[in-house]
Amino acid sequence: MSSPAPDHTSLTLPKTLTIKNILDVHEKILGAIDNNADIVLDIADDAQVDLSFVQLVVAARGHAAEKTGRVLLARPAAGELREALRRGGFLDEPTPDAAQFWLHQEQTL
């Protein structure tokens, strides 16, 4: 993972990251982005995750970049998050940026 800015904040997310509570998670993430250069998402390995959360994170990364900030993951995607990424095609030939973000893998040419 790239090192976060000194004024970053860590955001521990709930164990349910699905369509049922995505609006609450959206508000937490946007609030953190609006008040910090970088945010680090702490997602439990046993969190319940669906594609709505993956979509939210992709959008949040774009929003943070517009504000010259970043969204980072505390650790590589695991458990249901990794499975949601696989089902959604995010792990099929990922770009170097996607591999680094989701899996913390550096790709060399």
Protein backbone atom coordinates (compact mmCIF):
# COMPACT_ATOMS: atom_id res chain seq x y z
CA MET A 1 0.00 0.00 0.00
CA SER A 2 1.19 3.51 -0.73
CA SER A 3 1.86 5.51 2.38
CA PRO A 4 -1.04 7.77 3.32
CA ALA A 5 -0.59 11.51 3.85
CA PRO A 6 0.23 12.62 7.41
CA ASP A 7 -3.28 14.04 7.81
CA HIS A 8 -5.03 10.82 6.78
CA THR A 9 -7.78 9.15 8.73
CA SER A 10 -8.49 5.46 9.20
CA LEU A 11 -12.11 4.50 8.79
CA THR A 12 -13.18 1.18 10.30
CA LEU A 13 -16.19 0.03 8.31
CA PRO A 14 -19.09 -2.07 9.59
CA LYS A 15 -19.07 -5.81 8.97
CA THR A 16 -22.03 -5.50 6.60
CA LEU A 17 -21.13 -3.72 3.36
CA THR A 18 -24.11 -4.53 1.19
CA ILE A 19 -26.96 -2.78 -0.56
CA LYS A 20 -28.90 -2.92 2.74
CA ASN A 21 -26.67 -0.30 4.39
CA ILE A 22 -24.75 1.22 1.48
CA LEU A 23 -26.20 4.71 2.06
CA ASP A 24 -24.81 4.80 5.62
CA VAL A 25 -21.42 3.58 4.42
CA HIS A 26 -21.53 6.14 1.59
CA GLU A 27 -22.08 8.97 4.10
CA LYS A 28 -19.20 7.80 6.30
CA ILE A 29 -16.78 7.54 3.40
CA LEU A 30 -17.78 10.88 1.85
CA GLY A 31 -17.52 12.62 5.21
CA ALA A 32 -14.03 11.23 5.68
CA ILE A 33 -12.96 12.25 2.16
CA ASP A 34 -14.30 15.77 2.64
CA ASN A 35 -12.28 16.26 5.84
CA ASN A 36 -9.00 14.47 5.05
CA ALA A 37 -6.40 14.26 2.30
CA ASP A 38 -6.29 10.47 2.42
CA ILE A 39 -8.55 7.90 4.01
CA VAL A 40 -7.62 4.33 4.79
CA LEU A 41 -10.53 1.90 4.75
CA ASP A 42 -10.29 -0.84 7.35
CA ILE A 43 -12.45 -3.71 6.11
CA ALA A 44 -12.73 -6.85 8.23
CA ASP A 45 -11.70 -10.06 6.50
CA ASP A 46 -15.07 -11.56 7.49
CA ALA A 47 -17.17 -8.60 6.31
CA GLN A 48 -20.28 -9.29 4.23
CA VAL A 49 -19.70 -7.56 0.91
CA ASP A 50 -21.59 -7.22 -2.35
CA LEU A 51 -20.89 -5.36 -5.58
CA SER A 52 -22.65 -2.20 -4.35
CA PHE A 53 -19.75 -1.69 -1.95
CA VAL A 54 -17.17 -2.29 -4.68
CA GLN A 55 -18.94 0.30 -6.84
CA LEU A 56 -18.98 2.74 -3.92
CA VAL A 57 -15.24 2.35 -3.37
CA VAL A 58 -14.50 2.86 -7.08
CA ALA A 59 -16.60 6.06 -7.05
CA ALA A 60 -15.04 7.22 -3.77
CA ARG A 61 -11.56 6.83 -5.24
CA GLY A 62 -12.56 9.08 -8.12
CA HIS A 63 -14.11 11.64 -5.79
CA ALA A 64 -11.03 11.69 -3.56
CA ALA A 65 -8.73 12.09 -6.58
CA GLU A 66 -10.72 15.14 -7.71
CA LYS A 67 -9.93 16.66 -4.31
CA THR A 68 -6.25 15.57 -4.63
CA GLY A 69 -6.74 12.92 -1.98
CA ARG A 70 -6.75 9.16 -2.02
CA VAL A 71 -8.75 6.23 -0.74
CA LEU A 72 -6.54 3.34 0.37
CA LEU A 73 -7.19 -0.10 1.83
CA ALA A 74 -5.60 -1.01 5.15
CA ARG A 75 -4.81 -4.49 3.80
CA PRO A 76 -5.35 -6.48 0.61
CA ALA A 77 -8.90 -7.53 -0.26
CA ALA A 78 -9.82 -10.82 1.37
CA GLY A 79 -12.88 -12.93 2.09
CA GLU A 80 -16.17 -11.78 0.55
CA LEU A 81 -14.60 -8.56 -0.74
CA ARG A 82 -12.13 -10.53 -2.82
CA GLU A 83 -14.94 -12.83 -3.97
CA ALA A 84 -17.10 -9.84 -4.98
CA LEU A 85 -14.16 -8.46 -6.94
CA ARG A 86 -13.72 -11.82 -8.66
CA ARG A 87 -17.43 -12.12 -9.50
CA GLY A 88 -17.50 -8.56 -10.81
CA GLY A 89 -14.53 -9.15 -13.10
CA PHE A 90 -12.26 -6.75 -11.25
CA LEU A 91 -9.54 -9.39 -10.88
CA ASP A 92 -9.56 -10.45 -14.55
CA GLU A 93 -6.39 -8.89 -15.93
CA PRO A 94 -6.39 -5.97 -13.49
CA THR A 95 -4.55 -2.78 -14.36
CA PRO A 96 -1.40 -2.10 -12.33
CA ASP A 97 -3.35 0.53 -10.38
CA ALA A 98 -6.20 -1.89 -9.61
CA ALA A 99 -3.78 -4.67 -8.60
CA GLN A 100 -1.96 -2.29 -6.27
CA PHE A 101 -5.16 -0.85 -4.79
CA TRP A 102 -7.23 -4.00 -4.24
CA LEU A 103 -4.49 -6.60 -3.75
CA HIS A 104 -1.46 -4.49 -2.74
CA GLN A 105 0.46 -6.13 -5.57
CA GLU A 106 3.09 -4.26 -7.50
CA GLN A 107 3.20 -5.25 -11.14
CA THR A 108 6.45 -4.94 -13.02
CA LEU A 109 6.89 -4.82 -16.75
